Amino acid sequence: MEELTSEENDKKMSKKEKAAATARMSEVSDRLEFIEADEAEGKAMEILSGVGFREEDFEKPSREFSGGWRMRIAIAKVLFCEPEILMLDEPTNHLDLPALIWLENYIMGLCDTTIIIVSHARDFLDAICDHMIHLQGKKLTYWTGNFSQFVKSKGELDNIKEKARVGEQKKIAHMQTFVDRFKANAKLTTLAQSRMKAIAKMQVGMHETTGS
């Protein structure tokens, strides 16, 4: 911006170059206004303070901080950018309680951002998540609610599936008894083979359901 508005530079420019510089300066000005550049420093200080940095830390180069504090810097940088999709991998690992509480509140205040979080911190997930993604058997299942609600709902569904599985196993065992008893009987061979096919189909279905 300083280069574009330099008086000395302005004297050396042709009319065409001045017009181009004016247009470029307008673009830069619009961009700075769009990203709210005048508020950037205050915003950066707010985020850095939130994740635990003191005011005297703001001017220090990142190389002077330990690995854990560099992770806090990384979190601050991505929060500052306010991307449309924010992905955080174990963000709580290097945060103390005050910084964790601040991060929870900050994330909950992001209205126009889709946030994807990988974390083992159950309380953190309960506080900020309203959807869960469960990966099992190379399949993704989407659940509504926080982590505790996911655990409860999945447990109830697993119980239903387990009861169905036990029922299927009893049915298979009953059919297998019939097959073992009558497969050598010429009059019942066709029926026994039909039962064997049915058993195989049921076993495949059970395998797909459990993902094992």
C-alpha atoms as a PDB file:
ATOM      1  CA  MET A   1       0.000   0.000   0.000  1.00  0.00           C
ATOM      2  CA  GLU A   2       2.875   2.410   0.856  1.00  0.00           C
ATOM      3  CA  GLU A   3       4.531   1.682  -2.488  1.00  0.00           C
ATOM      4  CA  LEU A   4       1.300   2.396  -4.359  1.00  0.00           C
ATOM      5  CA  THR A   5       0.756   5.728  -2.581  1.00  0.00           C
ATOM      6  CA  SER A   6       4.380   6.929  -2.704  1.00  0.00           C
ATOM      7  CA  GLU A   7       4.581  10.541  -3.997  1.00  0.00           C
ATOM      8  CA  GLU A   8       7.994   9.988  -5.599  1.00  0.00           C
ATOM      9  CA  ASN A   9       6.740   6.855  -7.346  1.00  0.00           C
ATOM     10  CA  ASP A  10       3.667   8.779  -8.514  1.00  0.00           C
ATOM     11  CA  LYS A  11       5.828  11.349 -10.355  1.00  0.00           C
ATOM     12  CA  LYS A  12       7.603   8.632 -12.354  1.00  0.00           C
ATOM     13  CA  MET A  13       4.388   6.955 -13.525  1.00  0.00           C
ATOM     14  CA  SER A  14       2.690   7.392 -16.868  1.00  0.00           C
ATOM     15  CA  LYS A  15      -1.063   8.032 -16.979  1.00  0.00           C
ATOM     16  CA  LYS A  16      -1.642   4.370 -17.791  1.00  0.00           C
ATOM     17  CA  GLU A  17       0.523   3.228 -14.889  1.00  0.00           C
ATOM     18  CA  LYS A  18      -1.210   5.692 -12.546  1.00  0.00           C
ATOM     19  CA  ALA A  19      -4.608   4.329 -13.577  1.00  0.00           C
ATOM     20  CA  ALA A  20      -3.418   0.764 -12.979  1.00  0.00           C
ATOM     21  CA  ALA A  21      -1.930   1.754  -9.610  1.00  0.00           C
ATOM     22  CA  THR A  22      -5.152   3.487  -8.606  1.00  0.00           C
ATOM     23  CA  ALA A  23      -7.185   0.424  -9.535  1.00  0.00           C
ATOM     24  CA  ARG A  24      -4.782  -1.836  -7.644  1.00  0.00           C
ATOM     25  CA  MET A  25      -4.890   0.457  -4.597  1.00  0.00           C
ATOM     26  CA  SER A  26      -8.688   0.259  -4.669  1.00  0.00           C
ATOM     27  CA  GLU A  27      -8.520  -3.549  -4.775  1.00  0.00           C
ATOM     28  CA  VAL A  28      -6.080  -3.657  -1.868  1.00  0.00           C
ATOM     29  CA  SER A  29      -8.194  -1.215   0.121  1.00  0.00           C
ATOM     30  CA  ASP A  30     -11.337  -3.267  -0.478  1.00  0.00           C
ATOM     31  CA  ARG A  31      -9.529  -6.448   0.518  1.00  0.00           C
ATOM     32  CA  LEU A  32      -8.176  -4.911   3.714  1.00  0.00           C
ATOM     33  CA  GLU A  33     -11.664  -3.713   4.589  1.00  0.00           C
ATOM     34  CA  PHE A  34     -13.135  -7.149   3.825  1.00  0.00           C
ATOM     35  CA  ILE A  35     -10.694  -8.973   6.118  1.00  0.00           C
ATOM     36  CA  GLU A  36     -11.122  -6.257   8.768  1.00  0.00           C
ATOM     37  CA  ALA A  37      -7.387  -5.564   8.806  1.00  0.00           C
ATOM     38  CA  ASP A  38      -7.784  -2.669  11.229  1.00  0.00           C
ATOM     39  CA  GLU A  39      -9.054  -5.151  13.824  1.00  0.00           C
ATOM     40  CA  ALA A  40      -6.504  -7.895  13.059  1.00  0.00           C
ATOM     41  CA  GLU A  41      -3.997  -6.989  15.788  1.00  0.00           C
ATOM     42  CA  GLY A  42      -6.639  -6.843  18.506  1.00  0.00           C
ATOM     43  CA  LYS A  43      -8.155 -10.093  17.281  1.00  0.00           C
ATOM     44  CA  ALA A  44      -4.752 -11.817  17.294  1.00  0.00           C
ATOM     45  CA  MET A  45      -4.031 -10.600  20.818  1.00  0.00           C
ATOM     46  CA  GLU A  46      -7.426 -11.813  22.019  1.00  0.00           C
ATOM     47  CA  ILE A  47      -6.879 -15.308  20.613  1.00  0.00           C
ATOM     48  CA  LEU A  48      -3.291 -15.577  21.853  1.00  0.00           C
ATOM     49  CA  SER A  49      -4.370 -14.453  25.316  1.00  0.00           C
ATOM     50  CA  GLY A  50      -7.210 -16.956  25.211  1.00  0.00           C
ATOM     51  CA  VAL A  51      -4.900 -19.928  24.612  1.00  0.00           C
ATOM     52  CA  GLY A  52      -2.633 -18.837  27.456  1.00  0.00           C
ATOM     53  CA  PHE A  53      -0.027 -16.383  26.158  1.00  0.00           C
ATOM     54  CA  ARG A  54       0.932 -13.308  28.147  1.00  0.00           C
ATOM     55  CA  GLU A  55       1.315  -9.855  26.615  1.00  0.00           C
ATOM     56  CA  GLU A  56       5.095 -10.013  26.918  1.00  0.00           C
ATOM     57  CA  ASP A  57       5.042 -13.179  24.761  1.00  0.00           C
ATOM     58  CA  PHE A  58       3.479 -11.475  21.739  1.00  0.00           C
ATOM     59  CA  GLU A  59       6.751 -10.145  20.318  1.00  0.00           C
ATOM     60  CA  LYS A  60       8.758 -13.338  20.808  1.00  0.00           C
ATOM     61  CA  PRO A  61       9.569 -15.557  17.787  1.00  0.00           C
ATOM     62  CA  SER A  62       7.903 -18.964  17.876  1.00  0.00           C
ATOM     63  CA  ARG A  63      11.286 -20.751  18.009  1.00  0.00           C
ATOM     64  CA  GLU A  64      11.701 -19.548  21.609  1.00  0.00           C
ATOM     65  CA  PHE A  65       8.688 -21.571  22.759  1.00  0.00           C
ATOM     66  CA  SER A  66       8.503 -25.271  23.635  1.00  0.00           C
ATOM     67  CA  GLY A  67       6.671 -27.787  21.485  1.00  0.00           C
ATOM     68  CA  GLY A  68       3.521 -27.554  23.578  1.00  0.00           C
ATOM     69  CA  TRP A  69       3.372 -23.774  23.275  1.00  0.00           C
ATOM     70  CA  ARG A  70       4.024 -23.997  19.551  1.00  0.00           C
ATOM     71  CA  MET A  71       0.933 -26.166  19.335  1.00  0.00           C
ATOM     72  CA  ARG A  72      -0.978 -23.350  21.029  1.00  0.00           C
ATOM     73  CA  ILE A  73       0.412 -20.975  18.403  1.00  0.00           C
ATOM     74  CA  ALA A  74      -0.800 -23.346  15.674  1.00  0.00           C
ATOM     75  CA  ILE A  75      -4.290 -23.398  17.213  1.00  0.00           C
ATOM     76  CA  ALA A  76      -4.284 -19.594  17.468  1.00  0.00           C
ATOM     77  CA  LYS A  77      -3.249 -19.230  13.817  1.00  0.00           C
ATOM     78  CA  VAL A  78      -6.025 -21.451  12.497  1.00  0.00           C
ATOM     79  CA  LEU A  79      -8.624 -19.749  14.708  1.00  0.00           C
ATOM     80  CA  PHE A  80      -7.455 -16.346  13.519  1.00  0.00           C
ATOM     81  CA  CYS A  81      -8.022 -17.328   9.875  1.00  0.00           C
ATOM     82  CA  GLU A  82     -11.681 -18.264  10.523  1.00  0.00           C
ATOM     83  CA  PRO A  83     -11.883 -20.801   7.661  1.00  0.00           C
ATOM     84  CA  GLU A  84     -15.235 -22.057   6.382  1.00  0.00           C
ATOM     85  CA  ILE A  85     -14.216 -25.567   7.492  1.00  0.00           C
ATOM     86  CA  LEU A  86     -12.087 -25.787  10.637  1.00  0.00           C
ATOM     87  CA  MET A  87     -10.370 -29.112  11.397  1.00  0.00           C
ATOM     88  CA  LEU A  88      -8.792 -29.642  14.827  1.00  0.00           C
ATOM     89  CA  ASP A  89      -6.860 -32.794  15.752  1.00  0.00           C
ATOM     90  CA  GLU A  90      -6.650 -33.316  19.528  1.00  0.00           C
ATOM     91  CA  PRO A  91      -6.691 -29.546  20.243  1.00  0.00           C
ATOM     92  CA  THR A  92      -6.939 -30.046  24.015  1.00  0.00           C
ATOM     93  CA  ASN A  93      -3.680 -31.997  24.405  1.00  0.00           C
ATOM     94  CA  HIS A  94      -1.529 -28.976  25.236  1.00  0.00           C
ATOM     95  CA  LEU A  95      -4.084 -26.713  26.914  1.00  0.00           C
ATOM     96  CA  ASP A  96      -4.552 -26.046  30.602  1.00  0.00           C
ATOM     97  CA  LEU A  97      -8.047 -25.646  32.072  1.00  0.00           C
ATOM     98  CA  PRO A  98      -8.441 -21.860  31.526  1.00  0.00           C
ATOM     99  CA  ALA A  99      -7.301 -22.157  27.886  1.00  0.00           C
ATOM    100  CA  LEU A 100      -9.580 -25.159  27.369  1.00  0.00           C
ATOM    101  CA  ILE A 101     -12.602 -23.288  28.707  1.00  0.00           C
ATOM    102  CA  TRP A 102     -11.748 -20.310  26.497  1.00  0.00           C
ATOM    103  CA  LEU A 103     -11.437 -22.564  23.424  1.00  0.00           C
ATOM    104  CA  GLU A 104     -14.819 -24.165  24.151  1.00  0.00           C
ATOM    105  CA  ASN A 105     -16.494 -20.762  24.372  1.00  0.00           C
ATOM    106  CA  TYR A 106     -14.713 -19.472  21.281  1.00  0.00           C
ATOM    107  CA  ILE A 107     -15.698 -22.472  19.163  1.00  0.00           C
ATOM    108  CA  MET A 108     -19.302 -22.300  20.325  1.00  0.00           C
ATOM    109  CA  GLY A 109     -19.360 -18.665  19.210  1.00  0.00           C
ATOM    110  CA  LEU A 110     -18.407 -19.515  15.598  1.00  0.00           C
ATOM    111  CA  CYS A 111     -21.724 -19.362  13.767  1.00  0.00           C
ATOM    112  CA  ASP A 112     -20.710 -19.735  10.107  1.00  0.00           C
ATOM    113  CA  THR A 113     -17.950 -22.320  10.443  1.00  0.00           C
ATOM    114  CA  THR A 114     -18.184 -26.093  10.032  1.00  0.00           C
ATOM    115  CA  ILE A 115     -15.896 -27.617  12.654  1.00  0.00           C
ATOM    116  CA  ILE A 116     -14.513 -31.172  12.504  1.00  0.00           C
ATOM    117  CA  ILE A 117     -12.752 -32.292  15.682  1.00  0.00           C
ATOM    118  CA  VAL A 118     -10.803 -35.433  16.542  1.00  0.00           C
ATOM    119  CA  SER A 119     -10.463 -35.714  20.308  1.00  0.00           C
ATOM    120  CA  HIS A 120     -10.372 -38.140  23.230  1.00  0.00           C
ATOM    121  CA  ALA A 121     -11.549 -35.437  25.645  1.00  0.00           C
ATOM    122  CA  ARG A 122     -15.120 -36.525  26.385  1.00  0.00           C
ATOM    123  CA  ASP A 123     -16.127 -33.387  28.306  1.00  0.00           C
ATOM    124  CA  PHE A 124     -14.792 -31.209  25.484  1.00  0.00           C
ATOM    125  CA  LEU A 125     -16.799 -33.145  22.886  1.00  0.00           C
ATOM    126  CA  ASP A 126     -19.898 -32.976  25.062  1.00  0.00           C
ATOM    127  CA  ALA A 127     -19.570 -29.211  25.352  1.00  0.00           C
ATOM    128  CA  ILE A 128     -19.098 -28.285  21.701  1.00  0.00           C
ATOM    129  CA  CYS A 129     -20.324 -31.081  19.395  1.00  0.00           C
ATOM    130  CA  ASP A 130     -23.834 -31.625  18.082  1.00  0.00           C
ATOM    131  CA  HIS A 131     -22.991 -34.412  15.598  1.00  0.00           C
ATOM    132  CA  MET A 132     -20.699 -37.435  15.809  1.00  0.00           C
ATOM    133  CA  ILE A 133     -19.134 -39.565  13.057  1.00  0.00           C
ATOM    134  CA  HIS A 134     -18.431 -43.212  13.910  1.00  0.00           C
ATOM    135  CA  LEU A 135     -16.063 -45.317  11.784  1.00  0.00           C
ATOM    136  CA  GLN A 136     -16.452 -49.090  11.953  1.00  0.00           C
ATOM    137  CA  GLY A 137     -15.958 -51.777   9.348  1.00  0.00           C
ATOM    138  CA  LYS A 138     -14.851 -49.163   6.787  1.00  0.00           C
ATOM    139  CA  LYS A 139     -18.252 -47.482   7.135  1.00  0.00           C
ATOM    140  CA  LEU A 140     -19.115 -44.033   8.477  1.00  0.00           C
ATOM    141  CA  THR A 141     -22.243 -43.624  10.580  1.00  0.00           C
ATOM    142  CA  TYR A 142     -23.553 -40.177  11.491  1.00  0.00           C
ATOM    143  CA  TRP A 143     -25.190 -39.522  14.852  1.00  0.00           C
ATOM    144  CA  THR A 144     -26.965 -36.445  16.156  1.00  0.00           C
ATOM    145  CA  GLY A 145     -25.967 -35.190  19.594  1.00  0.00           C
ATOM    146  CA  ASN A 146     -22.800 -34.861  21.661  1.00  0.00           C
ATOM    147  CA  PHE A 147     -20.476 -37.688  22.680  1.00  0.00           C
ATOM    148  CA  SER A 148     -22.479 -38.862  25.697  1.00  0.00           C
ATOM    149  CA  GLN A 149     -25.649 -38.976  23.623  1.00  0.00           C
ATOM    150  CA  PHE A 150     -23.769 -40.911  20.947  1.00  0.00           C
ATOM    151  CA  VAL A 151     -22.544 -43.476  23.485  1.00  0.00           C
ATOM    152  CA  LYS A 152     -26.057 -43.925  24.864  1.00  0.00           C
ATOM    153  CA  SER A 153     -27.752 -44.196  21.455  1.00  0.00           C
ATOM    154  CA  LYS A 154     -25.114 -46.524  20.054  1.00  0.00           C
ATOM    155  CA  GLY A 155     -25.302 -48.714  23.163  1.00  0.00           C
ATOM    156  CA  GLU A 156     -29.064 -49.049  22.756  1.00  0.00           C
ATOM    157  CA  LEU A 157     -28.674 -49.917  19.074  1.00  0.00           C
ATOM    158  CA  ASP A 158     -25.915 -52.414  19.852  1.00  0.00           C
ATOM    159  CA  ASN A 159     -28.201 -54.138  22.371  1.00  0.00           C
ATOM    160  CA  ILE A 160     -30.928 -54.441  19.749  1.00  0.00           C
ATOM    161  CA  LYS A 161     -28.426 -55.841  17.243  1.00  0.00           C
ATOM    162  CA  GLU A 162     -27.062 -58.289  19.810  1.00  0.00           C
ATOM    163  CA  LYS A 163     -30.537 -59.616  20.584  1.00  0.00           C
ATOM    164  CA  ALA A 164     -31.186 -59.985  16.862  1.00  0.00           C
ATOM    165  CA  ARG A 165     -27.840 -61.758  16.433  1.00  0.00           C
ATOM    166  CA  VAL A 166     -28.612 -64.213  19.245  1.00  0.00           C
ATOM    167  CA  GLY A 167     -32.010 -64.883  17.678  1.00  0.00           C
ATOM    168  CA  GLU A 168     -30.387 -65.497  14.279  1.00  0.00           C
ATOM    169  CA  GLN A 169     -27.850 -67.869  15.817  1.00  0.00           C
ATOM    170  CA  LYS A 170     -30.606 -69.888  17.490  1.00  0.00           C
ATOM    171  CA  LYS A 171     -32.463 -70.046  14.187  1.00  0.00           C
ATOM    172  CA  ILE A 172     -29.313 -71.138  12.362  1.00  0.00           C
ATOM    173  CA  ALA A 173     -28.618 -73.802  14.992  1.00  0.00           C
ATOM    174  CA  HIS A 174     -32.167 -75.152  14.630  1.00  0.00           C
ATOM    175  CA  MET A 175     -31.860 -75.271  10.844  1.00  0.00           C
ATOM    176  CA  GLN A 176     -28.412 -76.871  11.068  1.00  0.00           C
ATOM    177  CA  THR A 177     -29.857 -79.629  13.273  1.00  0.00           C
ATOM    178  CA  PHE A 178     -32.450 -80.334  10.559  1.00  0.00           C
ATOM    179  CA  VAL A 179     -29.739 -80.399   7.859  1.00  0.00           C
ATOM    180  CA  ASP A 180     -27.485 -82.750   9.859  1.00  0.00           C
ATOM    181  CA  ARG A 181     -30.390 -85.078  10.508  1.00  0.00           C
ATOM    182  CA  PHE A 182     -31.947 -85.255   7.063  1.00  0.00           C
ATOM    183  CA  LYS A 183     -29.255 -84.404   4.475  1.00  0.00           C
ATOM    184  CA  ALA A 184     -28.693 -88.135   3.831  1.00  0.00           C
ATOM    185  CA  ASN A 185     -32.408 -88.763   3.441  1.00  0.00           C
ATOM    186  CA  ALA A 186     -33.175 -88.943  -0.295  1.00  0.00           C
ATOM    187  CA  LYS A 187     -36.731 -87.682   0.200  1.00  0.00           C
ATOM    188  CA  LEU A 188     -35.544 -84.635   2.183  1.00  0.00           C
ATOM    189  CA  THR A 189     -32.254 -83.864   0.394  1.00  0.00           C
ATOM    190  CA  THR A 190     -33.715 -80.936  -1.563  1.00  0.00           C
ATOM    191  CA  LEU A 191     -35.224 -79.434   1.574  1.00  0.00           C
ATOM    192  CA  ALA A 192     -31.957 -79.900   3.473  1.00  0.00           C
ATOM    193  CA  GLN A 193     -29.993 -78.170   0.699  1.00  0.00           C
ATOM    194  CA  SER A 194     -32.463 -75.310   0.761  1.00  0.00           C
ATOM    195  CA  ARG A 195     -31.887 -74.942   4.498  1.00  0.00           C
ATOM    196  CA  MET A 196     -28.118 -74.994   3.963  1.00  0.00           C
ATOM    197  CA  LYS A 197     -28.387 -72.115   1.453  1.00  0.00           C
ATOM    198  CA  ALA A 198     -30.569 -70.201   3.876  1.00  0.00           C
ATOM    199  CA  ILE A 199     -27.985 -70.718   6.644  1.00  0.00           C
ATOM    200  CA  ALA A 200     -25.166 -69.462   4.411  1.00  0.00           C
ATOM    201  CA  LYS A 201     -27.186 -66.382   3.491  1.00  0.00           C
ATOM    202  CA  MET A 202     -27.990 -65.622   7.132  1.00  0.00           C
ATOM    203  CA  GLN A 203     -24.325 -65.981   8.120  1.00  0.00           C
ATOM    204  CA  VAL A 204     -23.271 -63.552   5.398  1.00  0.00           C
ATOM    205  CA  GLY A 205     -25.892 -61.082   6.611  1.00  0.00           C
ATOM    206  CA  MET A 206     -24.664 -61.383  10.198  1.00  0.00           C
ATOM    207  CA  HIS A 207     -21.078 -60.845   9.070  1.00  0.00           C
ATOM    208  CA  GLU A 208     -22.003 -57.667   7.175  1.00  0.00           C
ATOM    209  CA  THR A 209     -24.033 -56.345  10.104  1.00  0.00           C
ATOM    210  CA  THR A 210     -21.283 -56.795  12.683  1.00  0.00           C
ATOM    211  CA  GLY A 211     -18.528 -55.700  10.312  1.00  0.00           C
ATOM    212  CA  SER A 212     -16.300 -58.445  11.673  1.00  0.00           C
END
